[in-house]
Amino acid sequence: MNFRVLEQRGLENARSPFRVVEDNGQEVQWVNRFLDQERVRSVAETTLRSYAYDLLNFLRWWVEVSQTTAINEKAESTLLDYIRFQTNRQPQPAAATINRRVGIAERALRLAFPHTQTSFVPGFQYGYWRPLPLGIGRPLPALSRLRVRTPKRVILPLSEEEVEQFWTSFRTSRDLAIVVLCCSTVSARAKYARSTATICCSPNHSCECAARAANPAACH
C-alpha cells in the first residue's frame, strides 16, 4: 500500500486541507481525525502540512510492520521501535526530527485511544508530578513524552577571514546600516544589564539574586 499527502481546497473550515490518503483516494481516518482536530484549534496551515507529513512517515512504517492501516491500543507501545527504525535510516534524521515525528504520532494515538496506559521506557522518559488546573488538589504522577537526546549546539567564534568575508558581503550602505543598528542595540542592552547589576550588587549590600541583571526589580 502506498500513501501520500493530498491538499484539498474547498472543504469545511473545521477540516484540514491536508489529507493523508491511499493511492485509490481512500482516507486514513485516524490520521485525518487528528489533523481535523488541529485545524479546529486554529493551527497554521504550514504546521498542519508538517503534521501530515510526520504522520505519513509513521503510517508508512506502521503498515510495513503490521500490514494494516488500522491501529489498536498497543500501537503506542511500539513508538520505541519507531525510534529504532528512524535511527537506522540512512541518512539518519536529526534528533529533533525524530522527537517531532514521535511526538506527533503519540498525540494522534492518544486522540484515538485516550485511556490507554503507557509503560515507562527508561532512558527515553522521566516521571514528574503534574499539577492540577488552578492548583487545586494534589499533583498527579505523569510521564514525559518519548524522546531521544538532542545534541547541544556549540557556538564557535568566527575566524578573522570569516569576519572579513561578512563585512565585505554587504552591497549597499543600507545593509551595513541595518547590521550596525542591530549591533548597537545589543550593545546598549548589555550596558544596561551591567549597570543594573552594579547598582544591585553594591559593596554595602549582598547580592542575593541569581539574575539581578535580568530582573533588577527583584533586588533588595
Protein backbone atom coordinates (compact mmCIF):
# COMPACT_ATOMS: atom_id res chain seq x y z
CA MET A 1 0.00 0.00 0.00
CA ASN A 2 1.20 3.46 -0.90
CA PHE A 3 0.19 6.68 0.84
CA ARG A 4 0.55 10.37 0.12
CA VAL A 5 -0.47 13.78 1.41
CA LEU A 6 -3.21 15.33 -0.70
CA GLU A 7 -4.09 19.02 -0.49
CA GLN A 8 -7.81 19.61 -0.90
CA ARG A 9 -9.31 23.06 -1.00
CA GLY A 10 -12.99 23.87 -0.64
CA LEU A 11 -13.54 21.71 2.44
CA GLU A 12 -15.33 22.85 5.56
CA ASN A 13 -13.39 25.25 7.73
CA ALA A 14 -13.27 22.65 10.50
CA ARG A 15 -11.47 20.15 8.24
CA SER A 16 -7.78 20.17 7.47
CA PRO A 17 -6.97 20.91 3.82
CA PHE A 18 -4.15 18.36 4.02
CA ARG A 19 -5.39 14.75 3.91
CA VAL A 20 -3.41 11.53 4.18
CA VAL A 21 -4.84 9.14 1.60
CA GLU A 22 -4.06 5.86 -0.15
CA ASP A 23 -3.39 5.67 -3.88
CA ASN A 24 -7.07 4.99 -4.53
CA GLY A 25 -8.02 8.19 -2.69
CA GLN A 26 -9.35 6.49 0.45
CA GLU A 27 -8.56 8.49 3.56
CA VAL A 28 -6.77 7.16 6.61
CA GLN A 29 -9.40 8.04 9.17
CA TRP A 30 -7.40 8.15 12.40
CA VAL A 31 -4.71 10.35 10.86
CA ASN A 32 -7.11 12.84 9.31
CA ARG A 33 -9.17 12.94 12.51
CA PHE A 34 -6.12 14.28 14.31
CA LEU A 35 -5.43 16.80 11.54
CA ASP A 36 -9.04 17.99 11.72
CA GLN A 37 -8.74 18.49 15.46
CA GLU A 38 -5.63 20.60 14.98
CA ARG A 39 -7.49 22.58 12.33
CA VAL A 40 -10.22 23.34 14.86
CA ARG A 41 -7.50 24.54 17.23
CA SER A 42 -6.59 27.13 14.54
CA VAL A 43 -3.15 25.67 13.90
CA ALA A 44 -1.40 27.36 10.98
CA GLU A 45 -1.60 25.61 7.62
CA THR A 46 2.17 25.28 7.42
CA THR A 47 2.07 23.44 10.75
CA LEU A 48 -0.78 21.24 9.54
CA ARG A 49 1.25 20.32 6.48
CA SER A 50 4.19 19.41 8.72
CA TYR A 51 1.92 17.26 10.91
CA ALA A 52 0.54 15.50 7.84
CA TYR A 53 3.99 14.54 6.55
CA ASP A 54 5.16 13.46 10.01
CA LEU A 55 2.15 11.17 10.33
CA LEU A 56 2.70 9.94 6.77
CA ASN A 57 6.18 8.82 7.81
CA PHE A 58 4.80 6.98 10.84
CA LEU A 59 1.96 5.45 8.81
CA ARG A 60 4.31 4.00 6.20
CA TRP A 61 6.38 2.39 8.93
CA TRP A 62 3.28 1.11 10.77
CA VAL A 63 1.85 -0.50 7.64
CA GLU A 64 5.21 -2.13 6.93
CA VAL A 65 5.33 -3.82 10.35
CA SER A 66 1.62 -4.54 10.87
CA GLN A 67 0.35 -4.91 7.28
CA THR A 68 -2.71 -2.75 8.04
CA THR A 69 -3.62 0.91 8.37
CA ALA A 70 -5.81 0.19 11.41
CA ILE A 71 -4.35 0.96 14.81
CA ASN A 72 -5.09 -0.56 18.19
CA GLU A 73 -4.44 0.21 21.83
CA LYS A 74 -0.99 -1.39 21.65
CA ALA A 75 0.19 0.91 18.86
CA GLU A 76 1.59 3.48 21.29
CA SER A 77 3.83 0.83 22.87
CA THR A 78 5.59 0.42 19.51
CA LEU A 79 6.90 4.00 19.43
CA LEU A 80 10.28 2.83 20.70
CA ASP A 81 10.50 0.51 17.67
CA TYR A 82 9.60 3.51 15.51
CA ILE A 83 12.55 5.40 17.03
CA ARG A 84 14.86 2.48 16.22
CA PHE A 85 13.54 2.45 12.66
CA GLN A 86 14.37 6.12 12.18
CA THR A 87 17.77 5.76 13.81
CA ASN A 88 18.69 3.01 11.33
CA ARG A 89 17.73 5.13 8.31
CA GLN A 90 20.44 6.40 6.01
CA PRO A 91 20.90 9.29 6.19
CA GLN A 92 19.80 9.32 9.80
CA PRO A 93 17.27 12.04 10.67
CA ALA A 94 18.29 14.66 13.19
CA ALA A 95 17.35 14.04 16.81
CA ALA A 96 14.96 16.99 16.73
CA THR A 97 13.22 15.49 13.68
CA ILE A 98 12.84 12.12 15.40
CA ASN A 99 11.40 13.75 18.51
CA ARG A 100 8.96 15.80 16.45
CA ARG A 101 7.72 12.78 14.50
CA VAL A 102 7.36 10.62 17.60
CA GLY A 103 5.58 13.42 19.44
CA ILE A 104 3.02 13.94 16.68
CA ALA A 105 2.42 10.20 16.32
CA GLU A 106 1.94 9.88 20.08
CA ARG A 107 -0.59 12.72 20.11
CA ALA A 108 -2.54 11.17 17.24
CA LEU A 109 -2.60 7.78 19.00
CA ARG A 110 -3.68 9.40 22.27
CA LEU A 111 -6.58 11.00 20.44
CA ALA A 112 -7.66 7.61 19.13
CA PHE A 113 -7.16 5.83 22.47
CA PRO A 114 -7.24 8.47 25.24
CA HIS A 115 -7.44 5.99 28.13
CA THR A 116 -4.57 3.73 27.12
CA GLN A 117 -1.97 3.19 29.83
CA THR A 118 1.60 3.61 28.59
CA SER A 119 4.61 1.82 30.02
CA PHE A 120 7.69 3.62 31.29
CA VAL A 121 10.76 3.45 29.00
CA PRO A 122 13.96 4.15 30.99
CA GLY A 123 16.39 6.44 29.25
CA PHE A 124 13.74 7.89 26.98
CA GLN A 125 11.24 9.19 29.55
CA TYR A 126 11.17 10.61 33.04
CA GLY A 127 8.45 10.86 35.65
CA TYR A 128 7.21 14.09 37.15
CA TRP A 129 4.31 15.47 39.17
CA ARG A 130 1.71 17.25 37.05
CA PRO A 131 -0.22 19.97 38.93
CA LEU A 132 -3.98 20.07 38.58
CA PRO A 133 -5.76 23.04 36.99
CA LEU A 134 -5.87 26.12 39.25
CA GLY A 135 -3.54 24.30 41.65
CA ILE A 136 -6.44 22.61 43.42
CA GLY A 137 -5.71 19.15 44.80
CA ARG A 138 -2.61 17.03 44.93
CA PRO A 139 -0.42 16.77 41.80
CA LEU A 140 -0.74 13.60 39.76
CA PRO A 141 2.15 11.41 38.58
CA ALA A 142 2.83 11.68 34.87
CA LEU A 143 5.35 10.57 32.26
CA SER A 144 7.20 12.77 29.82
CA ARG A 145 6.97 12.13 26.12
CA LEU A 146 9.24 9.60 24.47
CA ARG A 147 12.35 11.46 23.35
CA VAL A 148 15.92 10.89 22.23
CA ARG A 149 18.79 13.02 23.44
CA THR A 150 19.27 16.17 21.40
CA PRO A 151 22.93 17.23 20.96
CA LYS A 152 23.73 20.61 22.45
CA ARG A 153 24.71 23.29 19.99
CA VAL A 154 28.28 24.51 20.36
CA ILE A 155 28.78 28.14 19.33
CA LEU A 156 32.23 28.72 17.88
CA PRO A 157 33.75 32.17 17.36
CA LEU A 158 34.30 33.36 13.79
CA SER A 159 37.79 33.45 12.37
CA GLU A 160 39.32 36.67 11.05
CA GLU A 161 38.74 35.51 7.48
CA GLU A 162 35.06 34.81 8.18
CA VAL A 163 34.60 38.22 9.82
CA GLU A 164 36.22 39.93 6.86
CA GLN A 165 34.03 37.97 4.46
CA PHE A 166 30.97 39.00 6.48
CA TRP A 167 31.74 42.72 6.34
CA THR A 168 32.65 42.67 2.66
CA SER A 169 29.44 40.85 1.75
CA PHE A 170 27.29 43.98 2.07
CA ARG A 171 26.49 45.53 -1.30
CA THR A 172 24.70 48.67 -0.15
CA SER A 173 25.08 51.11 2.71
CA ARG A 174 21.53 50.24 3.77
CA ASP A 175 22.57 46.65 4.56
CA LEU A 176 25.53 47.90 6.56
CA ALA A 177 23.35 50.38 8.47
CA ILE A 178 20.92 47.63 9.49
CA VAL A 179 23.75 45.50 10.89
CA VAL A 180 25.25 48.46 12.75
CA LEU A 181 21.83 49.27 14.24
CA CYS A 182 21.40 45.68 15.44
CA CYS A 183 24.88 45.63 16.97
CA SER A 184 24.31 48.96 18.72
CA THR A 185 21.00 47.71 20.16
CA VAL A 186 22.66 44.59 21.57
CA SER A 187 25.49 46.70 22.97
CA ALA A 188 23.05 49.08 24.65
CA ARG A 189 21.19 46.20 26.28
CA ALA A 190 24.45 44.74 27.56
CA LYS A 191 25.47 48.10 29.07
CA TYR A 192 22.08 48.41 30.76
CA ALA A 193 22.37 44.92 32.20
CA ARG A 194 25.85 45.66 33.57
CA SER A 195 24.72 48.96 35.08
CA THR A 196 21.75 47.40 36.88
CA ALA A 197 23.94 44.58 38.13
CA THR A 198 26.41 47.15 39.52
CA ILE A 199 23.61 49.03 41.30
CA CYS A 200 22.11 45.87 42.80
CA CYS A 201 25.42 44.42 43.90
CA SER A 202 26.89 47.48 45.61
CA PRO A 203 29.64 46.98 48.20
CA ASN A 204 27.22 47.78 51.02
CA HIS A 205 24.66 45.15 50.08
CA SER A 206 24.94 41.44 49.50
CA CYS A 207 23.85 40.16 46.08
CA GLU A 208 21.12 37.65 46.85
CA CYS A 209 19.54 37.38 43.39
CA ALA A 210 20.98 34.97 40.86
CA ALA A 211 19.74 37.01 37.91
CA ARG A 212 19.71 40.64 39.06
CA ALA A 213 20.79 41.95 35.69
CA ALA A 214 17.78 40.37 34.04
CA ASN A 215 15.34 41.31 36.82
CA PRO A 216 16.52 44.35 38.79
CA ALA A 217 13.08 44.71 40.43
CA ALA A 218 13.80 41.58 42.44
CA CYS A 219 16.79 43.19 44.17
CA HIS A 220 16.57 44.09 47.87
